[in-house]
Each structure stands twice: as structure tokens, then as C-alpha cells.
């Protein structure tokens, strides 16, 4: 974690809470959030493509695969380990996107 960035965010929060608010800060934050949302959406497209490739190859949805894999019903092959990693990454990206969705009006 970049502590310098976190410190800057904390300073902005402190200033904002103390009454220092202006349109430039609002627009900048909105733009940063929008850019991050776009980045995560692009990442989700790539992850979904990877997952679809595995789904086609193994004739199984990623949701079913992941449940079976986590229950130990499937072997620990390199493909399944990679598929599981992509699934986890997609879940994390989706949660990230949902958090960002609540940040903008």
C-alpha cells in the first residue's frame, strides 16, 4: 500500500470535513472514480473471456466448476488452478466495481 497516497487522501478528507469544499475537488474525484470503473470493466471483459474459454473446453459453467473445485471434487490440475484463480479475480473485480458504483451519483 502506498502510504504517501493514503496520507494525501486523508488530508483531503480532513479538509473536506472541515468545510473546504470546491467544484475542482468534486470533479477530480468523480473523474478518478469513473476512470477506475472503466479500468475494472475492461479487466472484467478480459477475465470473462478467460473463463469462457475454460467453460467451453470443459463444458461446465465457472460457477459449477468453482463449487466443485472448492469441494475437492476435481483434481488440482494446472488448468483448474488457473481457472480457479481467474474466477477469484473476477469475483474481486466485481466487488470492486460494485463499491465504485455507489461512489457516483
PDB file of N, CA and C in Angstrom:
ATOM      1  N   UNK A   1       0.851  -1.176   0.000  1.00  0.00           N
ATOM      2  CA  UNK A   1       0.000   0.000   0.000  1.00  0.00           C
ATOM      3  C   UNK A   1       0.893   1.235   0.000  1.00  0.00           C
ATOM      4  N   UNK A   2       0.546   2.170  -0.812  1.00  0.00           N
ATOM      5  CA  UNK A   2       1.303   3.397  -0.910  1.00  0.00           C
ATOM      6  C   UNK A   2       0.841   4.359   0.191  1.00  0.00           C
ATOM      7  N   UNK A   3       1.650   4.503   1.231  1.00  0.00           N
ATOM      8  CA  UNK A   3       1.244   5.337   2.365  1.00  0.00           C
ATOM      9  C   UNK A   3       1.208   6.820   2.002  1.00  0.00           C
ATOM     10  N   UNK A   4       2.021   7.247   1.049  1.00  0.00           N
ATOM     11  CA  UNK A   4       2.000   8.655   0.638  1.00  0.00           C
ATOM     12  C   UNK A   4       0.641   8.994   0.021  1.00  0.00           C
ATOM     13  N   UNK A   5       0.130   8.111  -0.805  1.00  0.00           N
ATOM     14  CA  UNK A   5      -1.182   8.334  -1.413  1.00  0.00           C
ATOM     15  C   UNK A   5      -2.273   8.318  -0.359  1.00  0.00           C
ATOM     16  N   UNK A   6      -2.203   7.374   0.554  1.00  0.00           N
ATOM     17  CA  UNK A   6      -3.195   7.289   1.621  1.00  0.00           C
ATOM     18  C   UNK A   6      -3.170   8.549   2.487  1.00  0.00           C
ATOM     19  N   UNK A   7      -1.990   9.070   2.740  1.00  0.00           N
ATOM     20  CA  UNK A   7      -1.877  10.323   3.500  1.00  0.00           C
ATOM     21  C   UNK A   7      -2.539  11.481   2.768  1.00  0.00           C
ATOM     22  N   UNK A   8      -2.360  11.541   1.463  1.00  0.00           N
ATOM     23  CA  UNK A   8      -2.987  12.606   0.662  1.00  0.00           C
ATOM     24  C   UNK A   8      -4.514  12.501   0.725  1.00  0.00           C
ATOM     25  N   UNK A   9      -5.004  11.282   0.637  1.00  0.00           N
ATOM     26  CA  UNK A   9      -6.456  11.073   0.717  1.00  0.00           C
ATOM     27  C   UNK A   9      -6.968  11.488   2.087  1.00  0.00           C
ATOM     28  N   UNK A  10      -6.238  11.148   3.123  1.00  0.00           N
ATOM     29  CA  UNK A  10      -6.630  11.539   4.483  1.00  0.00           C
ATOM     30  C   UNK A  10      -6.636  13.055   4.660  1.00  0.00           C
ATOM     31  N   UNK A  11      -5.678  13.724   4.055  1.00  0.00           N
ATOM     32  CA  UNK A  11      -5.632  15.194   4.127  1.00  0.00           C
ATOM     33  C   UNK A  11      -6.853  15.786   3.427  1.00  0.00           C
ATOM     34  N   UNK A  12      -7.164  15.251   2.237  1.00  0.00           N
ATOM     35  CA  UNK A  12      -8.354  15.736   1.526  1.00  0.00           C
ATOM     36  C   UNK A  12      -9.622  15.501   2.339  1.00  0.00           C
ATOM     37  N   UNK A  13      -9.703  14.355   2.967  1.00  0.00           N
ATOM     38  CA  UNK A  13     -10.881  14.071   3.799  1.00  0.00           C
ATOM     39  C   UNK A  13     -10.976  15.059   4.959  1.00  0.00           C
ATOM     40  N   UNK A  14      -9.851  15.306   5.612  1.00  0.00           N
ATOM     41  CA  UNK A  14      -9.830  16.240   6.736  1.00  0.00           C
ATOM     42  C   UNK A  14     -10.256  17.640   6.278  1.00  0.00           C
ATOM     43  N   UNK A  15      -9.696  18.093   5.155  1.00  0.00           N
ATOM     44  CA  UNK A  15     -10.061  19.403   4.626  1.00  0.00           C
ATOM     45  C   UNK A  15     -11.545  19.457   4.269  1.00  0.00           C
ATOM     46  N   UNK A  16     -12.027  18.414   3.632  1.00  0.00           N
ATOM     47  CA  UNK A  16     -13.420  18.367   3.212  1.00  0.00           C
ATOM     48  C   UNK A  16     -14.353  18.408   4.422  1.00  0.00           C
ATOM     49  N   UNK A  17     -14.022  17.642   5.448  1.00  0.00           N
ATOM     50  CA  UNK A  17     -14.844  17.602   6.666  1.00  0.00           C
ATOM     51  C   UNK A  17     -14.824  18.938   7.406  1.00  0.00           C
ATOM     52  N   UNK A  18     -13.730  19.679   7.251  1.00  0.00           N
ATOM     53  CA  UNK A  18     -13.630  20.964   7.950  1.00  0.00           C
ATOM     54  C   UNK A  18     -14.257  22.111   7.149  1.00  0.00           C
ATOM     55  N   UNK A  19     -14.864  21.772   6.008  1.00  0.00           N
ATOM     56  CA  UNK A  19     -15.584  22.790   5.263  1.00  0.00           C
ATOM     57  C   UNK A  19     -14.924  23.242   3.981  1.00  0.00           C
ATOM     58  N   UNK A  20     -13.710  22.782   3.702  1.00  0.00           N
ATOM     59  CA  UNK A  20     -13.041  23.158   2.457  1.00  0.00           C
ATOM     60  C   UNK A  20     -13.544  22.261   1.343  1.00  0.00           C
ATOM     61  N   UNK A  21     -14.514  22.765   0.598  1.00  0.00           N
ATOM     62  CA  UNK A  21     -15.102  22.000  -0.493  1.00  0.00           C
ATOM     63  C   UNK A  21     -15.170  22.898  -1.721  1.00  0.00           C
ATOM     64  N   UNK A  22     -14.793  22.321  -2.863  1.00  0.00           N
ATOM     65  CA  UNK A  22     -14.936  23.098  -4.090  1.00  0.00           C
ATOM     66  C   UNK A  22     -15.200  22.177  -5.268  1.00  0.00           C
ATOM     67  N   UNK A  23     -15.625  22.793  -6.363  1.00  0.00           N
ATOM     68  CA  UNK A  23     -16.011  22.031  -7.546  1.00  0.00           C
ATOM     69  C   UNK A  23     -14.844  21.276  -8.176  1.00  0.00           C
ATOM     70  N   UNK A  24     -13.651  21.827  -8.087  1.00  0.00           N
ATOM     71  CA  UNK A  24     -12.488  21.174  -8.690  1.00  0.00           C
ATOM     72  C   UNK A  24     -12.240  19.827  -8.031  1.00  0.00           C
ATOM     73  N   UNK A  25     -12.292  19.798  -6.715  1.00  0.00           N
ATOM     74  CA  UNK A  25     -12.087  18.539  -5.997  1.00  0.00           C
ATOM     75  C   UNK A  25     -13.202  17.551  -6.356  1.00  0.00           C
ATOM     76  N   UNK A  26     -14.427  18.022  -6.366  1.00  0.00           N
ATOM     77  CA  UNK A  26     -15.570  17.156  -6.699  1.00  0.00           C
ATOM     78  C   UNK A  26     -15.414  16.557  -8.099  1.00  0.00           C
ATOM     79  N   UNK A  27     -15.110  17.393  -9.076  1.00  0.00           N
ATOM     80  CA  UNK A  27     -14.974  16.913 -10.456  1.00  0.00           C
ATOM     81  C   UNK A  27     -13.787  15.966 -10.597  1.00  0.00           C
ATOM     82  N   UNK A  28     -12.690  16.279  -9.910  1.00  0.00           N
ATOM     83  CA  UNK A  28     -11.500  15.427  -9.980  1.00  0.00           C
ATOM     84  C   UNK A  28     -11.788  14.046  -9.394  1.00  0.00           C
ATOM     85  N   UNK A  29     -12.427  14.014  -8.242  1.00  0.00           N
ATOM     86  CA  UNK A  29     -12.762  12.738  -7.623  1.00  0.00           C
ATOM     87  C   UNK A  29     -13.741  11.941  -8.486  1.00  0.00           C
ATOM     88  N   UNK A  30     -14.730  12.618  -9.053  1.00  0.00           N
ATOM     89  CA  UNK A  30     -15.672  11.941  -9.942  1.00  0.00           C
ATOM     90  C   UNK A  30     -14.952  11.327 -11.136  1.00  0.00           C
ATOM     91  N   UNK A  31     -14.001  12.081 -11.693  1.00  0.00           N
ATOM     92  CA  UNK A  31     -13.245  11.601 -12.848  1.00  0.00           C
ATOM     93  C   UNK A  31     -12.377  10.399 -12.475  1.00  0.00           C
ATOM     94  N   UNK A  32     -11.718  10.458 -11.325  1.00  0.00           N
ATOM     95  CA  UNK A  32     -10.895   9.334 -10.871  1.00  0.00           C
ATOM     96  C   UNK A  32     -11.734   8.076 -10.684  1.00  0.00           C
ATOM     97  N   UNK A  33     -12.896   8.240 -10.093  1.00  0.00           N
ATOM     98  CA  UNK A  33     -13.777   7.096  -9.876  1.00  0.00           C
ATOM     99  C   UNK A  33     -14.267   6.542 -11.212  1.00  0.00           C
ATOM    100  N   UNK A  34     -14.630   7.415 -12.121  1.00  0.00           N
ATOM    101  CA  UNK A  34     -15.091   6.974 -13.439  1.00  0.00           C
ATOM    102  C   UNK A  34     -13.981   6.235 -14.191  1.00  0.00           C
ATOM    103  N   UNK A  35     -12.750   6.746 -14.114  1.00  0.00           N
ATOM    104  CA  UNK A  35     -11.620   6.076 -14.764  1.00  0.00           C
ATOM    105  C   UNK A  35     -11.372   4.698 -14.172  1.00  0.00           C
ATOM    106  N   UNK A  36     -11.479   4.584 -12.867  1.00  0.00           N
ATOM    107  CA  UNK A  36     -11.271   3.292 -12.208  1.00  0.00           C
ATOM    108  C   UNK A  36     -12.389   2.319 -12.576  1.00  0.00           C
ATOM    109  N   UNK A  37     -13.611   2.829 -12.660  1.00  0.00           N
ATOM    110  CA  UNK A  37     -14.721   1.968 -13.089  1.00  0.00           C
ATOM    111  C   UNK A  37     -14.468   1.435 -14.496  1.00  0.00           C
ATOM    112  N   UNK A  38     -14.014   2.287 -15.388  1.00  0.00           N
ATOM    113  CA  UNK A  38     -13.718   1.858 -16.756  1.00  0.00           C
ATOM    114  C   UNK A  38     -12.608   0.813 -16.778  1.00  0.00           C
ATOM    115  N   UNK A  39     -11.579   1.019 -15.967  1.00  0.00           N
ATOM    116  CA  UNK A  39     -10.470   0.062 -15.908  1.00  0.00           C
ATOM    117  C   UNK A  39     -10.950  -1.297 -15.416  1.00  0.00           C
ATOM    118  N   UNK A  40     -11.773  -1.291 -14.380  1.00  0.00           N
ATOM    119  CA  UNK A  40     -12.277  -2.553 -13.829  1.00  0.00           C
ATOM    120  C   UNK A  40     -13.195  -3.245 -14.839  1.00  0.00           C
ATOM    121  N   UNK A  41     -14.005  -2.471 -15.548  1.00  0.00           N
ATOM    122  CA  UNK A  41     -14.876  -3.063 -16.568  1.00  0.00           C
ATOM    123  C   UNK A  41     -14.051  -3.744 -17.661  1.00  0.00           C
ATOM    124  N   UNK A  42     -12.959  -3.116 -18.077  1.00  0.00           N
ATOM    125  CA  UNK A  42     -12.073  -3.721 -19.078  1.00  0.00           C
ATOM    126  C   UNK A  42     -11.446  -5.002 -18.534  1.00  0.00           C
ATOM    127  N   UNK A  43     -11.044  -4.964 -17.278  1.00  0.00           N
ATOM    128  CA  UNK A  43     -10.475  -6.153 -16.642  1.00  0.00           C
ATOM    129  C   UNK A  43     -11.506  -7.284 -16.601  1.00  0.00           C
ATOM    130  N   UNK A  44     -12.758  -6.941 -16.302  1.00  0.00           N
ATOM    131  CA  UNK A  44     -13.810  -7.955 -16.259  1.00  0.00           C
ATOM    132  C   UNK A  44     -14.044  -8.589 -17.624  1.00  0.00           C
ATOM    133  N   UNK A  45     -13.963  -7.802 -18.675  1.00  0.00           N
ATOM    134  CA  UNK A  45     -14.118  -8.344 -20.028  1.00  0.00           C
ATOM    135  C   UNK A  45     -13.032  -9.388 -20.287  1.00  0.00           C
ATOM    136  N   UNK A  46     -11.798  -9.062 -19.948  1.00  0.00           N
ATOM    137  CA  UNK A  46     -10.681  -9.994 -20.165  1.00  0.00           C
ATOM    138  C   UNK A  46     -10.849 -11.253 -19.318  1.00  0.00           C
ATOM    139  N   UNK A  47     -11.222 -11.076 -18.051  1.00  0.00           N
ATOM    140  CA  UNK A  47     -11.402 -12.228 -17.169  1.00  0.00           C
ATOM    141  C   UNK A  47     -12.551 -13.111 -17.651  1.00  0.00           C
ATOM    142  N   UNK A  48     -13.642 -12.494 -18.084  1.00  0.00           N
ATOM    143  CA  UNK A  48     -14.774 -13.275 -18.581  1.00  0.00           C
ATOM    144  C   UNK A  48     -14.407 -14.065 -19.832  1.00  0.00           C
ATOM    145  N   UNK A  49     -13.566 -13.495 -20.673  1.00  0.00           N
ATOM    146  CA  UNK A  49     -13.096 -14.215 -21.857  1.00  0.00           C
ATOM    147  C   UNK A  49     -12.285 -15.434 -21.451  1.00  0.00           C
ATOM    148  N   UNK A  50     -11.401 -15.261 -20.482  1.00  0.00           N
ATOM    149  CA  UNK A  50     -10.606 -16.390 -19.983  1.00  0.00           C
ATOM    150  C   UNK A  50     -11.511 -17.471 -19.399  1.00  0.00           C
ATOM    151  N   UNK A  51     -12.493 -17.054 -18.622  1.00  0.00           N
ATOM    152  CA  UNK A  51     -13.415 -18.015 -18.016  1.00  0.00           C
ATOM    153  C   UNK A  51     -14.237 -18.737 -19.080  1.00  0.00           C
ATOM    154  N   UNK A  52     -14.686 -18.002 -20.085  1.00  0.00           N
ATOM    155  CA  UNK A  52     -15.475 -18.621 -21.164  1.00  0.00           C
ATOM    156  C   UNK A  52     -14.663 -19.670 -21.916  1.00  0.00           C
ATOM    157  N   UNK A  53     -13.377 -19.420 -22.080  1.00  0.00           N
ATOM    158  CA  UNK A  53     -12.522 -20.400 -22.748  1.00  0.00           C
ATOM    159  C   UNK A  53     -12.481 -21.706 -21.957  1.00  0.00           C
ATOM    160  N   UNK A  54     -12.339 -21.613 -20.645  1.00  0.00           N
ATOM    161  CA  UNK A  54     -12.344 -22.810 -19.810  1.00  0.00           C
ATOM    162  C   UNK A  54     -13.717 -23.488 -19.826  1.00  0.00           C
ATOM    163  N   UNK A  55     -14.772 -22.685 -19.791  1.00  0.00           N
ATOM    164  CA  UNK A  55     -16.130 -23.242 -19.809  1.00  0.00           C
ATOM    165  C   UNK A  55     -16.375 -24.034 -21.088  1.00  0.00           C
ATOM    166  N   UNK A  56     -15.905 -23.498 -22.192  1.00  0.00           N
ATOM    167  CA  UNK A  56     -16.047 -24.199 -23.477  1.00  0.00           C
ATOM    168  C   UNK A  56     -15.216 -25.476 -23.489  1.00  0.00           C
ATOM    169  N   UNK A  57     -13.995 -25.370 -23.028  1.00  0.00           N
ATOM    170  CA  UNK A  57     -13.084 -26.518 -23.041  1.00  0.00           C
ATOM    171  C   UNK A  57     -13.598 -27.660 -22.170  1.00  0.00           C
ATOM    172  N   UNK A  58     -14.177 -27.332 -21.015  1.00  0.00           N
ATOM    173  CA  UNK A  58     -14.589 -28.366 -20.063  1.00  0.00           C
ATOM    174  C   UNK A  58     -16.114 -28.535 -19.978  1.00  0.00           C
ATOM    175  N   UNK A  59     -16.854 -27.837 -20.819  1.00  0.00           N
ATOM    176  CA  UNK A  59     -18.322 -27.947 -20.863  1.00  0.00           C
ATOM    177  C   UNK A  59     -18.950 -27.831 -19.476  1.00  0.00           C
ATOM    178  N   UNK A  60     -18.558 -26.770 -18.779  1.00  0.00           N
ATOM    179  CA  UNK A  60     -19.048 -26.545 -17.427  1.00  0.00           C
ATOM    180  C   UNK A  60     -19.004 -25.050 -17.142  1.00  0.00           C
ATOM    181  N   UNK A  61     -20.036 -24.542 -16.480  1.00  0.00           N
ATOM    182  CA  UNK A  61     -20.016 -23.122 -16.126  1.00  0.00           C
ATOM    183  C   UNK A  61     -18.952 -22.886 -15.059  1.00  0.00           C
ATOM    184  N   UNK A  62     -18.470 -21.672 -14.997  1.00  0.00           N
ATOM    185  CA  UNK A  62     -17.457 -21.340 -13.997  1.00  0.00           C
ATOM    186  C   UNK A  62     -18.004 -21.456 -12.580  1.00  0.00           C
ATOM    187  N   UNK A  63     -19.281 -21.115 -12.399  1.00  0.00           N
ATOM    188  CA  UNK A  63     -19.875 -21.224 -11.071  1.00  0.00           C
ATOM    189  C   UNK A  63     -19.913 -22.677 -10.592  1.00  0.00           C
ATOM    190  N   UNK A  64     -20.349 -23.579 -11.474  1.00  0.00           N
ATOM    191  CA  UNK A  64     -20.388 -25.006 -11.125  1.00  0.00           C
ATOM    192  C   UNK A  64     -18.971 -25.521 -10.905  1.00  0.00           C
ATOM    193  N   UNK A  65     -18.067 -25.171 -11.813  1.00  0.00           N
ATOM    194  CA  UNK A  65     -16.669 -25.593 -11.661  1.00  0.00           C
ATOM    195  C   UNK A  65     -16.126 -25.175 -10.303  1.00  0.00           C
ATOM    196  N   UNK A  66     -16.296 -23.905  -9.962  1.00  0.00           N
ATOM    197  CA  UNK A  66     -15.685 -23.379  -8.748  1.00  0.00           C
ATOM    198  C   UNK A  66     -16.239 -24.090  -7.511  1.00  0.00           C
ATOM    199  N   UNK A  67     -17.533 -24.316  -7.491  1.00  0.00           N
ATOM    200  CA  UNK A  67     -18.132 -25.014  -6.356  1.00  0.00           C
ATOM    201  C   UNK A  67     -17.564 -26.430  -6.240  1.00  0.00           C
ATOM    202  N   UNK A  68     -17.484 -27.120  -7.353  1.00  0.00           N
ATOM    203  CA  UNK A  68     -16.938 -28.486  -7.344  1.00  0.00           C
ATOM    204  C   UNK A  68     -15.453 -28.491  -6.982  1.00  0.00           C
ATOM    205  N   UNK A  69     -14.717 -27.530  -7.498  1.00  0.00           N
ATOM    206  CA  UNK A  69     -13.282 -27.436  -7.220  1.00  0.00           C
ATOM    207  C   UNK A  69     -13.038 -27.162  -5.735  1.00  0.00           C
ATOM    208  N   UNK A  70     -13.784 -26.226  -5.176  1.00  0.00           N
ATOM    209  CA  UNK A  70     -13.639 -25.877  -3.762  1.00  0.00           C
ATOM    210  C   UNK A  70     -14.074 -27.027  -2.852  1.00  0.00           C
ATOM    211  N   UNK A  71     -15.000 -27.854  -3.318  1.00  0.00           N
ATOM    212  CA  UNK A  71     -15.441 -29.011  -2.536  1.00  0.00           C
ATOM    213  C   UNK A  71     -14.510 -30.204  -2.681  1.00  0.00           C
ATOM    214  N   UNK A  72     -13.452 -30.052  -3.476  1.00  0.00           N
ATOM    215  CA  UNK A  72     -12.481 -31.124  -3.655  1.00  0.00           C
ATOM    216  C   UNK A  72     -12.940 -32.221  -4.599  1.00  0.00           C
ATOM    217  N   UNK A  73     -13.949 -31.927  -5.420  1.00  0.00           N
ATOM    218  CA  UNK A  73     -14.482 -32.922  -6.347  1.00  0.00           C
ATOM    219  C   UNK A  73     -13.674 -33.006  -7.637  1.00  0.00           C
ATOM    220  N   UNK A  74     -12.790 -32.049  -7.856  1.00  0.00           N
ATOM    221  CA  UNK A  74     -11.984 -32.018  -9.078  1.00  0.00           C
ATOM    222  C   UNK A  74     -10.507 -32.051  -8.712  1.00  0.00           C
ATOM    223  N   UNK A  75      -9.720 -32.557  -9.625  1.00  0.00           N
ATOM    224  CA  UNK A  75      -8.272 -32.647  -9.400  1.00  0.00           C
ATOM    225  C   UNK A  75      -7.622 -31.270  -9.363  1.00  0.00           C
ATOM    226  N   UNK A  76      -6.422 -31.225  -8.877  1.00  0.00           N
ATOM    227  CA  UNK A  76      -5.657 -29.968  -8.798  1.00  0.00           C
ATOM    228  C   UNK A  76      -4.733 -29.834 -10.009  1.00  0.00           C
ATOM    229  N   UNK A  77      -5.312 -29.880 -11.195  1.00  0.00           N
ATOM    230  CA  UNK A  77      -4.510 -29.733 -12.410  1.00  0.00           C
ATOM    231  C   UNK A  77      -4.125 -28.265 -12.588  1.00  0.00           C
ATOM    232  N   UNK A  78      -3.178 -28.027 -13.465  1.00  0.00           N
ATOM    233  CA  UNK A  78      -2.747 -26.656 -13.747  1.00  0.00           C
ATOM    234  C   UNK A  78      -3.903 -25.840 -14.317  1.00  0.00           C
ATOM    235  N   UNK A  79      -4.688 -26.444 -15.212  1.00  0.00           N
ATOM    236  CA  UNK A  79      -5.837 -25.738 -15.793  1.00  0.00           C
ATOM    237  C   UNK A  79      -6.842 -25.349 -14.715  1.00  0.00           C
ATOM    238  N   UNK A  80      -7.142 -26.270 -13.828  1.00  0.00           N
ATOM    239  CA  UNK A  80      -8.145 -25.996 -12.809  1.00  0.00           C
ATOM    240  C   UNK A  80      -7.653 -24.959 -11.800  1.00  0.00           C
ATOM    241  N   UNK A  81      -6.388 -24.995 -11.500  1.00  0.00           N
ATOM    242  CA  UNK A  81      -5.816 -23.982 -10.606  1.00  0.00           C
ATOM    243  C   UNK A  81      -5.894 -22.609 -11.258  1.00  0.00           C
ATOM    244  N   UNK A  82      -5.581 -22.545 -12.540  1.00  0.00           N
ATOM    245  CA  UNK A  82      -5.653 -21.272 -13.280  1.00  0.00           C
ATOM    246  C   UNK A  82      -7.102 -20.799 -13.384  1.00  0.00           C
ATOM    247  N   UNK A  83      -8.017 -21.708 -13.693  1.00  0.00           N
ATOM    248  CA  UNK A  83      -9.440 -21.380 -13.808  1.00  0.00           C
ATOM    249  C   UNK A  83      -9.950 -20.827 -12.477  1.00  0.00           C
ATOM    250  N   UNK A  84      -9.575 -21.477 -11.399  1.00  0.00           N
ATOM    251  CA  UNK A  84      -9.970 -21.022 -10.065  1.00  0.00           C
ATOM    252  C   UNK A  84      -9.429 -19.621  -9.770  1.00  0.00           C
ATOM    253  N   UNK A  85      -8.206 -19.362 -10.174  1.00  0.00           N
ATOM    254  CA  UNK A  85      -7.601 -18.041  -9.965  1.00  0.00           C
ATOM    255  C   UNK A  85      -8.338 -16.961 -10.752  1.00  0.00           C
ATOM    256  N   UNK A  86      -8.660 -17.265 -12.006  1.00  0.00           N
ATOM    257  CA  UNK A  86      -9.424 -16.303 -12.814  1.00  0.00           C
ATOM    258  C   UNK A  86     -10.796 -16.047 -12.196  1.00  0.00           C
ATOM    259  N   UNK A  87     -11.418 -17.089 -11.680  1.00  0.00           N
ATOM    260  CA  UNK A  87     -12.729 -16.947 -11.046  1.00  0.00           C
ATOM    261  C   UNK A  87     -12.625 -16.032  -9.829  1.00  0.00           C
ATOM    262  N   UNK A  88     -11.615 -16.280  -8.983  1.00  0.00           N
ATOM    263  CA  UNK A  88     -11.401 -15.420  -7.803  1.00  0.00           C
ATOM    264  C   UNK A  88     -11.151 -13.974  -8.208  1.00  0.00           C
ATOM    265  N   UNK A  89     -10.350 -13.794  -9.249  1.00  0.00           N
ATOM    266  CA  UNK A  89     -10.046 -12.445  -9.723  1.00  0.00           C
ATOM    267  C   UNK A  89     -11.305 -11.745 -10.216  1.00  0.00           C
ATOM    268  N   UNK A  90     -12.177 -12.491 -10.917  1.00  0.00           N
ATOM    269  CA  UNK A  90     -13.423 -11.894 -11.397  1.00  0.00           C
ATOM    270  C   UNK A  90     -14.307 -11.488 -10.223  1.00  0.00           C
ATOM    271  N   UNK A  91     -14.394 -12.340  -9.211  1.00  0.00           N
ATOM    272  CA  UNK A  91     -15.220 -12.026  -8.046  1.00  0.00           C
ATOM    273  C   UNK A  91     -14.716 -10.750  -7.368  1.00  0.00           C
ATOM    274  N   UNK A  92     -13.417 -10.634  -7.222  1.00  0.00           N
ATOM    275  CA  UNK A  92     -12.821  -9.451  -6.603  1.00  0.00           C
ATOM    276  C   UNK A  92     -13.091  -8.211  -7.447  1.00  0.00           C
ATOM    277  N   UNK A  93     -12.940  -8.330  -8.755  1.00  0.00           N
ATOM    278  CA  UNK A  93     -13.184  -7.193  -9.648  1.00  0.00           C
ATOM    279  C   UNK A  93     -14.652  -6.772  -9.608  1.00  0.00           C
ATOM    280  N   UNK A  94     -15.561  -7.736  -9.548  1.00  0.00           N
ATOM    281  CA  UNK A  94     -16.975  -7.401  -9.473  1.00  0.00           C
ATOM    282  C   UNK A  94     -17.308  -6.674  -8.175  1.00  0.00           C
ATOM    283  N   UNK A  95     -16.715  -7.128  -7.065  1.00  0.00           N
ATOM    284  CA  UNK A  95     -16.929  -6.447  -5.783  1.00  0.00           C
ATOM    285  C   UNK A  95     -16.374  -5.027  -5.835  1.00  0.00           C
ATOM    286  N   UNK A  96     -15.218  -4.871  -6.458  1.00  0.00           N
ATOM    287  CA  UNK A  96     -14.597  -3.562  -6.614  1.00  0.00           C
ATOM    288  C   UNK A  96     -15.524  -2.634  -7.406  1.00  0.00           C
ATOM    289  N   UNK A  97     -16.067  -3.151  -8.502  1.00  0.00           N
ATOM    290  CA  UNK A  97     -16.961  -2.370  -9.348  1.00  0.00           C
ATOM    291  C   UNK A  97     -18.235  -1.976  -8.589  1.00  0.00           C
ATOM    292  N   UNK A  98     -18.775  -2.886  -7.792  1.00  0.00           N
ATOM    293  CA  UNK A  98     -19.964  -2.574  -7.007  1.00  0.00           C
ATOM    294  C   UNK A  98     -19.665  -1.475  -5.994  1.00  0.00           C
ATOM    295  N   UNK A  99     -18.499  -1.498  -5.384  1.00  0.00           N
ATOM    296  CA  UNK A  99     -18.112  -0.435  -4.445  1.00  0.00           C
ATOM    297  C   UNK A  99     -18.007   0.901  -5.152  1.00  0.00           C
ATOM    298  N   UNK A 100     -17.423   0.883  -6.341  1.00  0.00           N
ATOM    299  CA  UNK A 100     -17.278   2.120  -7.105  1.00  0.00           C
ATOM    300  C   UNK A 100     -18.623   2.645  -7.589  1.00  0.00           C
ATOM    301  N   UNK A 101     -19.555   1.747  -7.872  1.00  0.00           N
ATOM    302  CA  UNK A 101     -20.865   2.168  -8.368  1.00  0.00           C
ATOM    303  C   UNK A 101     -21.590   3.028  -7.337  1.00  0.00           C
ATOM    304  N   UNK A 102     -21.359   2.785  -6.061  1.00  0.00           N
ATOM    305  CA  UNK A 102     -22.001   3.566  -5.024  1.00  0.00           C
ATOM    306  C   UNK A 102     -21.336   4.910  -4.787  1.00  0.00           C
ATOM    307  N   UNK A 103     -20.209   5.158  -5.441  1.00  0.00           N
ATOM    308  CA  UNK A 103     -19.454   6.382  -5.201  1.00  0.00           C
ATOM    309  C   UNK A 103     -19.916   7.566  -6.052  1.00  0.00           C
ATOM    310  N   UNK A 104     -20.566   7.266  -7.168  1.00  0.00           N
ATOM    311  CA  UNK A 104     -21.003   8.337  -8.059  1.00  0.00           C
ATOM    312  C   UNK A 104     -22.523   8.438  -8.060  1.00  0.00           C
ATOM    313  N   UNK A 105     -23.015   9.664  -8.210  1.00  0.00           N
ATOM    314  CA  UNK A 105     -24.475   9.841  -8.266  1.00  0.00           C
ATOM    315  C   UNK A 105     -25.088   9.228  -9.500  1.00  0.00           C
TER     316      UNK A 105
END
